[in-house]
Amino acid sequence: MPLLDWLNKDQAVTQANQAPYRLLQPVPKLSVGDPNNQNMLIHG
């Protein structure tokens, strides 16, 4: 099985684990398309 590896990967993983967690809330007025579709594109 292929694995992703890059320079300073351990540091990047540590920083990602320390990032604050926020649950995304839907904003219907900013949404387009079928609301029952399970596919999402999140831009942030």
PDB file of N, CA and C in Angstrom:
ATOM      1  N   MET A   1       0.843  -1.169   0.000  1.00  0.00           N
ATOM      2  CA  MET A   1       0.000   0.000   0.000  1.00  0.00           C
ATOM      3  C   MET A   1       0.894   1.240   0.000  1.00  0.00           C
ATOM      4  N   PRO A   2       0.644   2.215  -0.894  1.00  0.00           N
ATOM      5  CA  PRO A   2       1.451   3.436  -0.929  1.00  0.00           C
ATOM      6  C   PRO A   2       1.183   4.317   0.297  1.00  0.00           C
ATOM      7  N   LEU A   3       2.215   4.987   0.768  1.00  0.00           N
ATOM      8  CA  LEU A   3       2.106   5.895   1.896  1.00  0.00           C
ATOM      9  C   LEU A   3       2.601   7.277   1.475  1.00  0.00           C
ATOM     10  N   LEU A   4       1.972   8.329   2.010  1.00  0.00           N
ATOM     11  CA  LEU A   4       2.443   9.683   1.750  1.00  0.00           C
ATOM     12  C   LEU A   4       3.560  10.018   2.722  1.00  0.00           C
ATOM     13  N   ASP A   5       4.621  10.621   2.212  1.00  0.00           N
ATOM     14  CA  ASP A   5       5.739  11.014   3.053  1.00  0.00           C
ATOM     15  C   ASP A   5       6.321  12.298   2.499  1.00  0.00           C
ATOM     16  N   TRP A   6       6.715  13.215   3.387  1.00  0.00           N
ATOM     17  CA  TRP A   6       7.314  14.475   2.960  1.00  0.00           C
ATOM     18  C   TRP A   6       8.242  14.978   4.058  1.00  0.00           C
ATOM     19  N   LEU A   7       9.048  15.996   3.714  1.00  0.00           N
ATOM     20  CA  LEU A   7       9.961  16.578   4.691  1.00  0.00           C
ATOM     21  C   LEU A   7       9.181  17.183   5.848  1.00  0.00           C
ATOM     22  N   ASN A   8       9.667  17.011   7.052  1.00  0.00           N
ATOM     23  CA  ASN A   8       9.048  17.559   8.264  1.00  0.00           C
ATOM     24  C   ASN A   8       7.630  17.043   8.496  1.00  0.00           C
ATOM     25  N   LYS A   9       7.357  15.823   8.075  1.00  0.00           N
ATOM     26  CA  LYS A   9       6.021  15.254   8.238  1.00  0.00           C
ATOM     27  C   LYS A   9       5.627  15.154   9.706  1.00  0.00           C
ATOM     28  N   ASP A  10       6.568  14.744  10.562  1.00  0.00           N
ATOM     29  CA  ASP A  10       6.249  14.617  11.994  1.00  0.00           C
ATOM     30  C   ASP A  10       5.822  15.955  12.582  1.00  0.00           C
ATOM     31  N   GLN A  11       6.523  17.016  12.210  1.00  0.00           N
ATOM     32  CA  GLN A  11       6.173  18.355  12.700  1.00  0.00           C
ATOM     33  C   GLN A  11       4.787  18.763  12.182  1.00  0.00           C
ATOM     34  N   ALA A  12       4.488  18.496  10.919  1.00  0.00           N
ATOM     35  CA  ALA A  12       3.194  18.847  10.348  1.00  0.00           C
ATOM     36  C   ALA A  12       2.058  18.090  11.035  1.00  0.00           C
ATOM     37  N   VAL A  13       2.268  16.818  11.330  1.00  0.00           N
ATOM     38  CA  VAL A  13       1.242  16.015  12.006  1.00  0.00           C
ATOM     39  C   VAL A  13       1.013  16.543  13.417  1.00  0.00           C
ATOM     40  N   THR A  14       2.090  16.910  14.115  1.00  0.00           N
ATOM     41  CA  THR A  14       1.962  17.466  15.463  1.00  0.00           C
ATOM     42  C   THR A  14       1.172  18.766  15.437  1.00  0.00           C
ATOM     43  N   GLN A  15       1.478  19.653  14.496  1.00  0.00           N
ATOM     44  CA  GLN A  15       0.755  20.924  14.388  1.00  0.00           C
ATOM     45  C   GLN A  15      -0.709  20.696  14.036  1.00  0.00           C
ATOM     46  N   ALA A  16      -0.989  19.749  13.167  1.00  0.00           N
ATOM     47  CA  ALA A  16      -2.374  19.458  12.796  1.00  0.00           C
ATOM     48  C   ALA A  16      -3.160  18.938  13.990  1.00  0.00           C
ATOM     49  N   ASN A  17      -2.523  18.143  14.831  1.00  0.00           N
ATOM     50  CA  ASN A  17      -3.202  17.619  16.023  1.00  0.00           C
ATOM     51  C   ASN A  17      -3.463  18.700  17.062  1.00  0.00           C
ATOM     52  N   GLN A  18      -2.701  19.786  17.036  1.00  0.00           N
ATOM     53  CA  GLN A  18      -2.870  20.867  17.996  1.00  0.00           C
ATOM     54  C   GLN A  18      -3.849  21.934  17.516  1.00  0.00           C
ATOM     55  N   ALA A  19      -4.289  21.860  16.277  1.00  0.00           N
ATOM     56  CA  ALA A  19      -5.218  22.858  15.733  1.00  0.00           C
ATOM     57  C   ALA A  19      -6.578  22.718  16.423  1.00  0.00           C
ATOM     58  N   PRO A  20      -7.236  23.851  16.716  1.00  0.00           N
ATOM     59  CA  PRO A  20      -8.543  23.774  17.378  1.00  0.00           C
ATOM     60  C   PRO A  20      -9.581  23.107  16.477  1.00  0.00           C
ATOM     61  N   TYR A  21     -10.490  22.398  17.101  1.00  0.00           N
ATOM     62  CA  TYR A  21     -11.550  21.676  16.397  1.00  0.00           C
ATOM     63  C   TYR A  21     -12.807  22.522  16.383  1.00  0.00           C
ATOM     64  N   ARG A  22     -13.410  22.682  15.224  1.00  0.00           N
ATOM     65  CA  ARG A  22     -14.686  23.387  15.109  1.00  0.00           C
ATOM     66  C   ARG A  22     -15.619  22.572  14.239  1.00  0.00           C
ATOM     67  N   LEU A  23     -16.802  22.329  14.740  1.00  0.00           N
ATOM     68  CA  LEU A  23     -17.806  21.609  13.983  1.00  0.00           C
ATOM     69  C   LEU A  23     -18.412  22.566  12.956  1.00  0.00           C
ATOM     70  N   LEU A  24     -18.462  22.145  11.704  1.00  0.00           N
ATOM     71  CA  LEU A  24     -19.033  22.991  10.662  1.00  0.00           C
ATOM     72  C   LEU A  24     -20.553  22.986  10.753  1.00  0.00           C
ATOM     73  N   GLN A  25     -21.137  24.156  10.634  1.00  0.00           N
ATOM     74  CA  GLN A  25     -22.586  24.306  10.655  1.00  0.00           C
ATOM     75  C   GLN A  25     -23.056  24.701   9.249  1.00  0.00           C
ATOM     76  N   PRO A  26     -24.109  24.074   8.738  1.00  0.00           N
ATOM     77  CA  PRO A  26     -24.613  24.444   7.409  1.00  0.00           C
ATOM     78  C   PRO A  26     -25.232  25.843   7.427  1.00  0.00           C
ATOM     79  N   VAL A  27     -25.036  26.573   6.339  1.00  0.00           N
ATOM     80  CA  VAL A  27     -25.639  27.895   6.156  1.00  0.00           C
ATOM     81  C   VAL A  27     -26.485  27.805   4.881  1.00  0.00           C
ATOM     82  N   PRO A  28     -27.800  27.529   5.033  1.00  0.00           N
ATOM     83  CA  PRO A  28     -28.641  27.275   3.864  1.00  0.00           C
ATOM     84  C   PRO A  28     -28.626  28.402   2.833  1.00  0.00           C
ATOM     85  N   LYS A  29     -28.548  29.667   3.255  1.00  0.00           N
ATOM     86  CA  LYS A  29     -28.585  30.767   2.284  1.00  0.00           C
ATOM     87  C   LYS A  29     -27.318  30.820   1.424  1.00  0.00           C
ATOM     88  N   LEU A  30     -26.241  30.177   1.869  1.00  0.00           N
ATOM     89  CA  LEU A  30     -25.005  30.139   1.089  1.00  0.00           C
ATOM     90  C   LEU A  30     -24.844  28.822   0.326  1.00  0.00           C
ATOM     91  N   SER A  31     -25.793  27.913   0.494  1.00  0.00           N
ATOM     92  CA  SER A  31     -25.705  26.602  -0.141  1.00  0.00           C
ATOM     93  C   SER A  31     -26.353  26.608  -1.514  1.00  0.00           C
ATOM     94  N   VAL A  32     -25.855  25.764  -2.392  1.00  0.00           N
ATOM     95  CA  VAL A  32     -26.434  25.587  -3.722  1.00  0.00           C
ATOM     96  C   VAL A  32     -26.560  24.097  -3.991  1.00  0.00           C
ATOM     97  N   GLY A  33     -27.440  23.739  -4.913  1.00  0.00           N
ATOM     98  CA  GLY A  33     -27.584  22.339  -5.295  1.00  0.00           C
ATOM     99  C   GLY A  33     -28.563  21.590  -4.420  1.00  0.00           C
ATOM    100  N   ASP A  34     -28.552  20.290  -4.563  1.00  0.00           N
ATOM    101  CA  ASP A  34     -29.457  19.389  -3.849  1.00  0.00           C
ATOM    102  C   ASP A  34     -29.027  19.258  -2.391  1.00  0.00           C
ATOM    103  N   PRO A  35     -29.856  19.675  -1.427  1.00  0.00           N
ATOM    104  CA  PRO A  35     -29.460  19.586  -0.022  1.00  0.00           C
ATOM    105  C   PRO A  35     -29.344  18.145   0.491  1.00  0.00           C
ATOM    106  N   ASN A  36     -29.914  17.174  -0.226  1.00  0.00           N
ATOM    107  CA  ASN A  36     -29.840  15.772   0.197  1.00  0.00           C
ATOM    108  C   ASN A  36     -28.626  15.043  -0.369  1.00  0.00           C
ATOM    109  N   ASN A  37     -27.815  15.730  -1.164  1.00  0.00           N
ATOM    110  CA  ASN A  37     -26.627  15.127  -1.743  1.00  0.00           C
ATOM    111  C   ASN A  37     -25.551  14.994  -0.660  1.00  0.00           C
ATOM    112  N   GLN A  38     -24.857  13.864  -0.602  1.00  0.00           N
ATOM    113  CA  GLN A  38     -23.843  13.618   0.430  1.00  0.00           C
ATOM    114  C   GLN A  38     -22.460  14.168   0.045  1.00  0.00           C
ATOM    115  N   ASN A  39     -22.285  14.641  -1.196  1.00  0.00           N
ATOM    116  CA  ASN A  39     -20.996  15.195  -1.620  1.00  0.00           C
ATOM    117  C   ASN A  39     -20.893  16.644  -1.177  1.00  0.00           C
ATOM    118  N   MET A  40     -19.718  17.052  -0.687  1.00  0.00           N
ATOM    119  CA  MET A  40     -19.519  18.431  -0.244  1.00  0.00           C
ATOM    120  C   MET A  40     -18.181  18.962  -0.735  1.00  0.00           C
ATOM    121  N   LEU A  41     -18.177  20.249  -1.032  1.00  0.00           N
ATOM    122  CA  LEU A  41     -16.937  20.962  -1.327  1.00  0.00           C
ATOM    123  C   LEU A  41     -16.870  22.078  -0.293  1.00  0.00           C
ATOM    124  N   ILE A  42     -15.860  22.045   0.561  1.00  0.00           N
ATOM    125  CA  ILE A  42     -15.738  23.023   1.639  1.00  0.00           C
ATOM    126  C   ILE A  42     -14.524  23.894   1.333  1.00  0.00           C
ATOM    127  N   HIS A  43     -14.767  25.186   1.228  1.00  0.00           N
ATOM    128  CA  HIS A  43     -13.711  26.146   0.930  1.00  0.00           C
ATOM    129  C   HIS A  43     -13.500  27.004   2.164  1.00  0.00           C
ATOM    130  N   GLY A  44     -12.300  27.075   2.652  1.00  0.00           N
ATOM    131  CA  GLY A  44     -12.077  27.876   3.851  1.00  0.00           C
ATOM    132  C   GLY A  44     -10.672  28.357   3.973  1.00  0.00           C
TER     133      GLY A  44
END
